[in-house]
Amino acid sequence: MSTFTALVLTAPPPGHTGESSGAMAKVDGRESVLRCVELFLNRDNIKQILLAISPESEEEIKRKFGGALGFMGIKLVIGGKKWGEQIAAAVPKIAAESSHILVHDASRPVVPYADIDALLESAERHAAVALVAPLRGALVELDEGGGAMALHQPTAFVQLLTPQAVSRARLVEWGGGRDIHPTEWTLLKGSALNIRLNGAGDAALAKAMLGLLPKPKSKAPSNPFEEAQW
């Protein structure tokens, strides 16, 4: 069985402009970043959870969540403000026994338990696996001035989600600047409930989505945070 490190990034992923992030947005009273790290607790094959943050947010994160993160055994990684910079900073911190890494956006707190199960299973056979969800409605391609150029059917596109699973070797390359080309991903159908928070304004929608998540198989929680995530 493969062993995993879960790496939660607070930087916006490629394709999201600016530095806007919903990681600190409160969803039903609790910040998205906490909900995201808790997704990976109490799984036998996830041996380590890392949370990557920018130097500018270090003081705030430690002040607000230092006790909770320490209780859960989650280690902080101080990286840059960009996705690739945080991955690069995390590479030396990955546990020696981890053969694969789950990379997750701290602004995506609504992930079905079963989607993570499927991702872990698929990662046993593929070097790079990404969750995706279908798009609804036609897409309009725009020119630089915002004018309509072409209409595209949504069946030709999917939305790239996180978490994503990559082998240790591939993450090292990713952190070194070799991005994963779209053709390298094995695509795995994920839930459309898995929305990204681009700020506090999306919190109410995320709360509603959390209420729609299917429940994982019942088991007694080993700490109070596991119970809280559902």
Protein backbone atom coordinates (compact mmCIF):
# COMPACT_ATOMS: atom_id res chain seq x y z
CA MET A 1 0.00 0.00 0.00
CA SER A 2 1.24 3.49 -0.86
CA THR A 3 1.73 6.02 1.90
CA PHE A 4 0.73 9.65 1.50
CA THR A 5 1.53 13.14 2.67
CA ALA A 6 -1.34 15.61 2.39
CA LEU A 7 -0.10 19.06 1.39
CA VAL A 8 -2.63 21.89 1.78
CA LEU A 9 -1.67 25.11 -0.01
CA THR A 10 -3.00 28.55 0.85
CA ALA A 11 -1.72 30.12 -2.38
CA PRO A 12 -4.18 30.39 -5.30
CA PRO A 13 -3.68 27.62 -7.88
CA PRO A 14 -2.70 28.27 -11.49
CA GLY A 15 -5.58 29.75 -13.46
CA HIS A 16 -6.79 31.92 -10.60
CA THR A 17 -5.75 35.53 -11.07
CA GLY A 18 -4.39 37.68 -8.28
CA GLU A 19 -3.83 36.60 -4.69
CA SER A 20 -7.49 36.27 -3.72
CA SER A 21 -8.02 33.25 -1.55
CA GLY A 22 -10.88 31.98 0.52
CA ALA A 23 -8.63 30.01 2.85
CA MET A 24 -9.47 32.28 5.77
CA ALA A 25 -13.18 32.60 4.94
CA LYS A 26 -15.41 31.19 7.67
CA VAL A 27 -17.79 28.45 6.56
CA ASP A 28 -20.46 27.79 9.16
CA GLY A 29 -18.28 29.41 11.82
CA ARG A 30 -14.95 27.73 10.97
CA GLU A 31 -12.25 28.81 8.55
CA SER A 32 -11.89 26.96 5.27
CA VAL A 33 -8.22 26.20 5.92
CA LEU A 34 -9.12 24.23 9.07
CA ARG A 35 -11.85 22.31 7.29
CA CYS A 36 -9.39 21.44 4.53
CA VAL A 37 -6.65 20.00 6.74
CA GLU A 38 -9.27 17.99 8.64
CA LEU A 39 -10.27 16.23 5.41
CA PHE A 40 -7.12 14.12 5.70
CA LEU A 41 -7.20 13.19 9.38
CA ASN A 42 -7.60 9.61 10.62
CA ARG A 43 -6.72 7.82 7.40
CA ASP A 44 -4.26 4.98 7.87
CA ASN A 45 -2.35 5.61 4.63
CA ILE A 46 -1.98 9.38 5.15
CA LYS A 47 1.08 9.60 7.38
CA GLN A 48 1.64 13.36 7.38
CA ILE A 49 -0.29 16.60 6.85
CA LEU A 50 1.52 19.80 5.86
CA LEU A 51 0.00 23.27 5.63
CA ALA A 52 1.87 25.69 3.36
CA ILE A 53 1.51 29.39 4.09
CA SER A 54 3.14 32.65 3.03
CA PRO A 55 5.63 34.42 5.33
CA GLU A 56 3.18 37.33 5.61
CA SER A 57 0.46 35.11 7.06
CA GLU A 58 2.68 33.13 9.45
CA GLU A 59 1.99 35.25 12.52
CA GLU A 60 -1.78 35.25 11.96
CA ILE A 61 -1.95 31.51 11.29
CA LYS A 62 0.07 30.65 14.37
CA ARG A 63 -1.94 33.02 16.56
CA LYS A 64 -5.32 31.75 15.37
CA PHE A 65 -4.66 28.08 14.75
CA GLY A 66 -1.33 27.16 16.32
CA GLY A 67 -2.89 25.18 19.16
CA ALA A 68 -5.37 23.31 16.97
CA LEU A 69 -2.79 22.50 14.31
CA GLY A 70 -0.34 21.25 16.91
CA PHE A 71 -3.03 19.07 18.51
CA MET A 72 -3.78 17.50 15.13
CA GLY A 73 -0.09 16.97 14.36
CA ILE A 74 -0.12 19.28 11.33
CA LYS A 75 3.18 20.95 10.44
CA LEU A 76 3.53 24.38 8.85
CA VAL A 77 5.60 25.03 5.74
CA ILE A 78 6.61 28.63 5.11
CA GLY A 79 6.67 29.25 1.36
CA GLY A 80 5.85 32.09 -1.02
CA LYS A 81 2.59 33.56 -2.25
CA LYS A 82 2.43 31.38 -5.37
CA TRP A 83 1.29 27.77 -5.82
CA GLY A 84 4.63 26.57 -7.21
CA GLU A 85 6.61 28.38 -4.52
CA GLN A 86 4.68 26.65 -1.76
CA ILE A 87 5.14 23.25 -3.41
CA ALA A 88 8.89 23.88 -3.70
CA ALA A 89 9.08 24.85 -0.01
CA ALA A 90 7.22 21.69 1.00
CA VAL A 91 9.40 19.19 -0.90
CA PRO A 92 12.18 19.00 1.78
CA LYS A 93 9.56 18.62 4.52
CA ILE A 94 7.85 15.53 3.11
CA ALA A 95 8.22 12.44 5.28
CA ALA A 96 10.69 9.87 3.99
CA GLU A 97 8.06 7.10 4.00
CA SER A 98 5.60 9.02 1.79
CA SER A 99 5.51 7.65 -1.75
CA HIS A 100 2.71 9.98 -2.90
CA ILE A 101 1.45 13.45 -2.10
CA LEU A 102 -2.09 14.80 -2.06
CA VAL A 103 -2.04 18.47 -3.09
CA HIS A 104 -5.09 20.44 -1.96
CA ASP A 105 -6.29 24.03 -2.20
CA ALA A 106 -7.10 25.51 1.22
CA SER A 107 -10.00 27.37 -0.39
CA ARG A 108 -11.85 24.11 -1.24
CA PRO A 109 -13.44 22.86 2.00
CA VAL A 110 -16.28 20.87 0.39
CA VAL A 111 -14.82 17.51 -0.68
CA PRO A 112 -16.78 14.26 -0.37
CA TYR A 113 -15.07 11.56 1.66
CA ALA A 114 -15.62 9.10 -1.19
CA ASP A 115 -13.78 11.35 -3.67
CA ILE A 116 -10.67 11.21 -1.49
CA ASP A 117 -11.04 7.42 -1.22
CA ALA A 118 -11.18 7.15 -5.03
CA LEU A 119 -8.20 9.46 -5.43
CA LEU A 120 -6.06 7.44 -3.03
CA GLU A 121 -6.95 4.24 -4.85
CA SER A 122 -6.21 5.66 -8.29
CA ALA A 123 -2.86 7.06 -7.13
CA GLU A 124 -1.68 3.48 -6.60
CA ARG A 125 -1.68 3.05 -10.39
CA HIS A 126 -0.91 6.51 -11.79
CA ALA A 127 1.79 9.15 -11.23
CA ALA A 128 -0.58 12.12 -11.43
CA VAL A 129 -4.33 12.00 -10.75
CA ALA A 130 -6.70 14.97 -10.70
CA LEU A 131 -10.34 15.26 -9.70
CA VAL A 132 -12.50 17.01 -12.29
CA ALA A 133 -16.14 18.06 -12.53
CA PRO A 134 -18.28 18.77 -15.61
CA LEU A 135 -19.20 22.29 -16.64
CA ARG A 136 -22.79 23.34 -17.17
CA GLY A 137 -23.83 25.73 -19.91
CA ALA A 138 -22.07 26.95 -23.03
CA LEU A 139 -18.75 28.82 -22.75
CA VAL A 140 -18.17 32.11 -24.55
CA GLU A 141 -14.60 32.85 -25.66
CA LEU A 142 -13.70 36.53 -25.33
CA ASP A 143 -11.16 38.75 -27.02
CA GLU A 144 -8.83 41.10 -25.11
CA GLY A 145 -11.48 43.79 -25.07
CA GLY A 146 -14.16 41.52 -23.61
CA GLY A 147 -16.02 40.98 -26.87
CA ALA A 148 -17.49 37.59 -27.79
CA MET A 149 -15.43 35.60 -30.29
CA ALA A 150 -16.72 32.04 -30.21
CA LEU A 151 -19.14 29.70 -28.46
CA HIS A 152 -17.89 26.38 -27.04
CA GLN A 153 -19.95 23.45 -25.85
CA PRO A 154 -19.30 22.50 -22.21
CA THR A 155 -18.79 18.84 -23.12
CA ALA A 156 -15.33 19.75 -24.47
CA PHE A 157 -14.20 21.02 -21.06
CA VAL A 158 -14.05 19.97 -17.42
CA GLN A 159 -13.24 21.91 -14.26
CA LEU A 160 -9.98 20.96 -12.55
CA LEU A 161 -10.46 20.36 -8.82
CA THR A 162 -8.32 19.48 -5.83
CA PRO A 163 -7.13 17.40 -4.09
CA GLN A 164 -4.76 16.02 -6.69
CA ALA A 165 -2.44 13.07 -6.15
CA VAL A 166 1.10 12.86 -7.50
CA SER A 167 4.00 10.54 -6.94
CA ARG A 168 6.86 11.78 -4.81
CA ALA A 169 9.21 11.92 -7.80
CA ARG A 170 6.74 13.95 -9.83
CA LEU A 171 6.18 16.41 -6.98
CA VAL A 172 9.93 17.01 -6.72
CA GLU A 173 9.94 17.89 -10.42
CA TRP A 174 6.86 20.10 -9.94
CA GLY A 175 8.55 21.94 -7.10
CA GLY A 176 11.61 22.40 -9.30
CA GLY A 177 9.57 24.25 -11.90
CA ARG A 178 8.46 21.47 -14.25
CA ASP A 179 4.69 21.89 -14.24
CA ILE A 180 2.45 18.90 -14.88
CA HIS A 181 1.23 19.02 -18.48
CA PRO A 182 -2.50 18.37 -18.97
CA THR A 183 -1.71 15.19 -20.91
CA GLU A 184 0.04 13.74 -17.83
CA TRP A 185 -3.05 13.85 -15.62
CA THR A 186 -5.28 10.83 -15.14
CA LEU A 187 -8.70 12.40 -14.70
CA LEU A 188 -11.07 11.15 -12.03
CA LYS A 189 -14.68 12.27 -11.81
CA GLY A 190 -15.27 14.35 -8.71
CA SER A 191 -18.22 16.07 -7.12
CA ALA A 192 -19.61 19.35 -8.43
CA LEU A 193 -20.13 20.30 -4.77
CA ASN A 194 -16.38 20.83 -4.55
CA ILE A 195 -16.45 24.60 -5.11
CA ARG A 196 -13.61 27.06 -4.58
CA LEU A 197 -14.04 29.98 -2.22
CA ASN A 198 -12.71 33.17 -3.75
CA GLY A 199 -13.54 35.16 -0.64
CA ALA A 200 -15.90 35.48 2.30
CA GLY A 201 -18.83 36.09 -0.05
CA ASP A 202 -18.81 32.43 -1.08
CA ALA A 203 -19.09 31.12 2.49
CA ALA A 204 -22.88 30.83 2.51
CA LEU A 205 -22.81 28.76 -0.69
CA ALA A 206 -20.11 26.49 0.75
CA LYS A 207 -22.18 26.00 3.90
CA ALA A 208 -25.09 24.85 1.76
CA MET A 209 -22.82 22.49 -0.17
CA LEU A 210 -21.50 20.97 3.07
CA GLY A 211 -25.06 20.10 4.00
CA LEU A 212 -25.42 18.14 0.76
CA LEU A 213 -22.30 16.00 1.22
CA PRO A 214 -22.89 12.26 1.61
CA LYS A 215 -21.82 11.01 5.00
CA PRO A 216 -18.73 8.80 5.30
CA LYS A 217 -19.03 5.35 6.79
CA SER A 218 -19.74 5.69 10.47
CA LYS A 219 -16.90 5.19 12.92
CA ALA A 220 -16.05 6.64 16.28
CA PRO A 221 -13.94 9.81 15.87
CA SER A 222 -10.46 9.60 17.36
CA ASN A 223 -10.37 13.34 18.06
CA PRO A 224 -12.97 16.13 18.32
CA PHE A 225 -11.87 17.73 15.06
CA GLU A 226 -12.80 14.69 12.97
CA GLU A 227 -16.35 14.82 14.21
CA ALA A 228 -16.57 18.58 13.57
CA GLN A 229 -15.76 18.34 9.85
CA TRP A 230 -19.08 16.66 9.15
